[in-house]
Structures are given as structure tokens and as C-alpha cells.
N, C-alpha and C. Protein backbone atom coordinates (compact mmCIF):
# COMPACT_ATOMS: atom_id res chain seq x y z
N MET A 1 20.65 50.34 -14.74
CA MET A 1 19.49 49.50 -14.84
C MET A 1 20.06 48.12 -15.31
N SER A 2 19.41 47.23 -14.47
CA SER A 2 20.10 45.84 -14.94
C SER A 2 18.95 45.14 -15.78
N ILE A 3 19.33 44.10 -16.28
CA ILE A 3 18.61 43.26 -17.42
C ILE A 3 17.33 42.90 -16.93
N PRO A 4 17.10 42.09 -15.67
CA PRO A 4 15.85 41.69 -15.15
C PRO A 4 14.90 42.92 -15.18
N PHE A 5 15.46 44.05 -14.82
CA PHE A 5 14.40 45.33 -14.64
C PHE A 5 14.08 45.67 -16.09
N ILE A 6 14.98 45.65 -17.23
CA ILE A 6 14.63 45.95 -18.46
C ILE A 6 13.47 45.05 -18.81
N ILE A 7 13.77 43.69 -18.75
CA ILE A 7 12.84 42.53 -19.12
C ILE A 7 11.45 42.80 -18.60
N LEU A 8 11.57 43.14 -17.34
CA LEU A 8 10.14 43.36 -16.64
C LEU A 8 9.46 44.72 -16.96
N MET A 9 10.31 45.63 -17.28
CA MET A 9 9.43 46.83 -17.74
C MET A 9 9.08 46.62 -19.36
N ALA A 10 9.43 45.98 -19.97
CA ALA A 10 9.19 45.58 -21.35
C ALA A 10 7.71 44.74 -21.19
N VAL A 11 7.78 43.80 -20.16
CA VAL A 11 6.73 43.09 -20.21
C VAL A 11 5.54 43.82 -19.68
N PHE A 12 5.77 44.74 -18.78
CA PHE A 12 5.02 45.75 -18.28
C PHE A 12 4.44 46.29 -19.43
N LEU A 13 4.97 46.93 -19.96
CA LEU A 13 4.53 48.03 -21.45
C LEU A 13 3.68 47.14 -22.21
N VAL A 14 4.00 46.05 -22.45
CA VAL A 14 3.08 45.33 -23.51
C VAL A 14 1.87 44.76 -22.87
N GLY A 15 1.85 44.67 -21.46
CA GLY A 15 0.79 44.27 -20.74
C GLY A 15 -0.16 45.27 -20.64
N CYS A 16 0.36 46.81 -20.61
CA CYS A 16 -0.54 47.72 -20.12
C CYS A 16 -1.16 48.09 -21.74
N ILE A 17 -0.60 47.91 -22.74
CA ILE A 17 -1.17 48.00 -24.11
C ILE A 17 -2.11 46.72 -24.31
N ALA A 18 -2.08 45.74 -24.00
CA ALA A 18 -2.93 44.68 -23.93
C ALA A 18 -4.03 44.83 -23.28
N LEU A 19 -3.90 45.39 -21.93
CA LEU A 19 -5.02 45.68 -21.05
C LEU A 19 -5.89 46.80 -21.41
N VAL A 20 -5.29 47.95 -22.06
CA VAL A 20 -6.12 48.92 -22.70
C VAL A 20 -6.94 48.46 -23.82
N GLY A 21 -6.27 47.49 -24.76
CA GLY A 21 -6.99 46.97 -25.97
C GLY A 21 -8.17 45.91 -25.34
N ALA A 22 -8.20 45.22 -24.26
CA ALA A 22 -9.08 44.31 -23.88
C ALA A 22 -10.29 45.29 -23.28
N ILE A 23 -9.71 46.48 -22.49
CA ILE A 23 -10.97 47.20 -22.13
C ILE A 23 -11.77 47.92 -23.08
N LEU A 24 -11.11 48.17 -24.38
CA LEU A 24 -11.92 48.86 -25.50
C LEU A 24 -12.75 47.92 -26.02
N LEU A 25 -12.32 46.63 -26.04
CA LEU A 25 -13.32 45.50 -26.81
C LEU A 25 -14.60 45.32 -25.96
N GLN A 26 -14.65 45.56 -24.74
CA GLN A 26 -15.44 45.13 -24.08
C GLN A 26 -16.92 46.13 -24.35
N LYS A 27 -18.30 45.55 -24.15
CA LYS A 27 -19.09 45.91 -24.40
C LYS A 27 -19.64 47.16 -23.53
N LYS A 28 -20.13 48.18 -23.85
CA LYS A 28 -20.54 49.48 -22.98
C LYS A 28 -21.60 49.04 -22.04
N ARG A 29 -21.95 49.46 -20.84
CA ARG A 29 -22.90 49.37 -20.09
C ARG A 29 -23.85 50.63 -19.88
N SER A 30 -24.84 50.50 -20.69
CA SER A 30 -25.54 52.05 -20.84
C SER A 30 -26.43 52.29 -19.71
N ALA A 31 -27.04 50.96 -18.81
CA ALA A 31 -28.13 51.35 -18.00
C ALA A 31 -27.57 50.84 -16.67
N GLY A 32 -26.31 51.69 -16.40
CA GLY A 32 -25.57 51.19 -15.13
C GLY A 32 -26.25 52.03 -13.96
N GLY A 33 -26.15 53.19 -13.58
CA GLY A 33 -26.67 53.60 -12.24
C GLY A 33 -28.12 54.31 -12.57
N VAL A 34 -28.53 54.37 -13.82
CA VAL A 34 -29.86 55.11 -14.10
C VAL A 34 -31.03 54.31 -13.92
N GLY A 35 -30.83 53.00 -14.00
CA GLY A 35 -32.01 51.92 -13.53
C GLY A 35 -32.34 51.98 -12.06
N SER A 36 -31.19 51.99 -11.33
CA SER A 36 -31.50 52.12 -9.86
C SER A 36 -32.03 53.45 -9.41
N ILE A 37 -31.54 54.54 -9.86
CA ILE A 37 -31.96 55.82 -9.74
C ILE A 37 -33.60 55.81 -9.86
N ALA A 38 -33.97 55.21 -11.22
CA ALA A 38 -35.43 55.48 -11.50
C ALA A 38 -36.40 54.51 -10.89
N GLY A 39 -35.77 53.60 -9.98
CA GLY A 39 -36.58 52.62 -9.29
C GLY A 39 -37.00 51.48 -10.26
N MET A 40 -36.07 51.06 -11.33
CA MET A 40 -36.17 50.11 -11.84
C MET A 40 -35.75 48.88 -11.41
N GLY A 41 -34.94 48.83 -10.33
CA GLY A 41 -34.23 47.66 -9.57
C GLY A 41 -33.03 47.08 -10.54
N ASN A 42 -33.13 45.66 -10.45
CA ASN A 42 -32.03 45.27 -11.41
C ASN A 42 -32.67 44.70 -12.77
N VAL A 43 -32.37 45.29 -13.65
CA VAL A 43 -33.11 45.44 -15.06
C VAL A 43 -32.16 44.42 -15.91
N THR A 44 -31.02 43.82 -15.46
CA THR A 44 -30.07 42.98 -16.09
C THR A 44 -30.25 41.56 -15.67
N ASP A 45 -31.68 41.19 -15.51
CA ASP A 45 -31.72 39.76 -14.96
C ASP A 45 -32.40 38.84 -16.03
N THR A 46 -31.55 38.84 -17.38
CA THR A 46 -32.03 38.05 -18.41
C THR A 46 -30.97 36.78 -18.50
N TYR A 47 -31.26 36.05 -19.32
CA TYR A 47 -30.68 34.73 -19.56
C TYR A 47 -29.24 34.99 -19.83
N TRP A 48 -29.16 35.77 -20.60
CA TRP A 48 -27.59 36.20 -21.21
C TRP A 48 -26.57 36.59 -20.14
N ASP A 49 -27.27 37.52 -19.37
CA ASP A 49 -26.52 38.23 -18.03
C ASP A 49 -26.49 36.94 -16.90
N LYS A 50 -27.08 36.00 -16.78
CA LYS A 50 -27.07 35.23 -15.96
C LYS A 50 -25.90 33.95 -16.34
N ASN A 51 -25.71 33.95 -17.69
CA ASN A 51 -24.87 32.91 -17.95
C ASN A 51 -23.58 33.65 -18.86
N LYS A 52 -23.20 34.82 -18.20
CA LYS A 52 -22.37 35.76 -18.97
C LYS A 52 -20.85 35.18 -18.93
N ARG A 53 -20.74 34.22 -18.01
CA ARG A 53 -19.29 33.84 -17.69
C ARG A 53 -18.94 32.75 -18.79
N ARG A 54 -20.00 32.00 -19.20
CA ARG A 54 -19.61 31.28 -20.23
C ARG A 54 -19.43 31.95 -21.85
N SER A 55 -19.79 33.03 -22.01
CA SER A 55 -19.65 33.74 -23.36
C SER A 55 -18.40 34.28 -23.47
N ALA A 56 -18.18 34.63 -24.53
CA ALA A 56 -16.97 35.49 -25.08
C ALA A 56 -16.64 36.52 -24.09
N GLU A 57 -17.73 37.33 -24.21
CA GLU A 57 -17.72 38.66 -23.29
C GLU A 57 -17.34 38.46 -21.99
N GLY A 58 -17.81 37.33 -21.29
CA GLY A 58 -17.51 37.05 -19.96
C GLY A 58 -15.99 36.73 -19.89
N THR A 59 -15.48 35.79 -20.81
CA THR A 59 -14.34 35.50 -20.78
C THR A 59 -13.30 36.73 -20.90
N LEU A 60 -13.62 37.54 -21.65
CA LEU A 60 -12.87 38.89 -21.94
C LEU A 60 -12.99 39.67 -20.68
N GLU A 61 -14.08 39.67 -19.94
CA GLU A 61 -13.96 40.42 -18.74
C GLU A 61 -13.20 39.68 -17.64
N LEU A 62 -13.16 38.48 -17.52
CA LEU A 62 -12.46 37.84 -16.50
C LEU A 62 -10.91 38.00 -16.78
N TRP A 63 -10.50 37.90 -18.11
CA TRP A 63 -9.02 38.16 -18.49
C TRP A 63 -8.66 39.75 -18.16
N THR A 64 -9.47 40.35 -18.42
CA THR A 64 -9.13 42.04 -18.11
C THR A 64 -8.79 42.20 -16.59
N LYS A 65 -9.90 41.60 -15.78
CA LYS A 65 -9.67 41.61 -14.28
C LYS A 65 -8.41 41.02 -13.96
N LEU A 66 -8.08 39.87 -14.50
CA LEU A 66 -6.90 39.09 -14.08
C LEU A 66 -5.65 39.94 -14.56
N GLY A 67 -5.60 40.37 -15.66
CA GLY A 67 -4.44 41.21 -16.21
C GLY A 67 -4.45 42.43 -15.36
N ALA A 68 -5.16 43.00 -14.84
CA ALA A 68 -5.32 44.14 -14.21
C ALA A 68 -4.37 43.82 -12.84
N VAL A 69 -4.92 42.76 -12.14
CA VAL A 69 -4.37 42.36 -10.82
C VAL A 69 -2.83 42.00 -11.18
N ILE A 70 -2.47 41.31 -12.12
CA ILE A 70 -1.10 40.83 -12.36
C ILE A 70 -0.36 42.14 -12.85
N LEU A 71 -0.69 43.21 -13.65
CA LEU A 71 -0.15 44.47 -13.88
C LEU A 71 0.10 45.16 -12.52
N GLY A 72 -0.70 45.20 -11.51
CA GLY A 72 -0.77 45.81 -10.42
C GLY A 72 0.64 45.16 -9.51
N ILE A 73 0.42 43.90 -9.55
CA ILE A 73 1.61 43.18 -8.87
C ILE A 73 2.80 43.63 -9.37
N LEU A 74 2.94 43.49 -10.79
CA LEU A 74 4.08 43.62 -11.47
C LEU A 74 4.56 45.15 -11.31
N ALA A 75 3.81 46.05 -11.08
CA ALA A 75 3.95 47.34 -10.85
C ALA A 75 4.67 47.67 -9.65
N VAL A 76 4.28 46.85 -8.45
CA VAL A 76 4.98 46.91 -7.11
C VAL A 76 6.12 46.32 -7.08
N VAL A 77 6.30 45.16 -7.96
CA VAL A 77 7.68 44.53 -8.00
C VAL A 77 8.53 45.37 -8.70
N LEU A 78 8.30 46.17 -9.87
CA LEU A 78 9.14 47.02 -10.44
C LEU A 78 9.65 48.15 -9.55
N CYS A 79 8.62 48.65 -8.69
CA CYS A 79 9.11 49.68 -7.70
C CYS A 79 10.07 49.14 -6.95
N LEU A 80 9.80 47.95 -6.38
CA LEU A 80 10.84 47.51 -5.38
C LEU A 80 12.20 47.11 -5.95
N ILE A 81 12.27 47.19 -7.26
CA ILE A 81 13.63 47.03 -7.79
C ILE A 81 14.51 47.98 -7.83
């Protein structure tokens, strides 16, 4: 094993642990598919849901998605090394 591979693997493992932590910190969505099945339509049309991107929860969700994409790319790179 080469030194760059070991460094990338360590970064990957730390990133995976951080991603799991970020996912566990997010708020649960309890009205997911039940509202659409019951005919309630879009029940999450409140002020807070429209401005979610500016809140800490929205920022955490954005960083979680970005981290998942970066870890996916890093996993492909590690497979090619």
C-alpha cells in the first residue's frame, strides 16, 4: 500500500463517521408519504419550510448532501488506486 492510499483511506473513514453524525443530527420527517396517501397534498407549506435553506437545519442538510457526494467521489478514486 502506498502512502497516498493510506491518507485517502483515513480521510474517507473520518468523512464516513462525520456523515453518519450529520445524518443522525437531522430532524425526522414524520409526515412523509402519509400526507400524500391520505389526500392532504403538500402539508409542509409553512414559512419555516419555505425558508429552510437559511436555517441551521437547512445548512446541515446541504452539508450532508455535499459530504455524501464528496465521499462517493472519494470512494471511486480509492477503487481506482
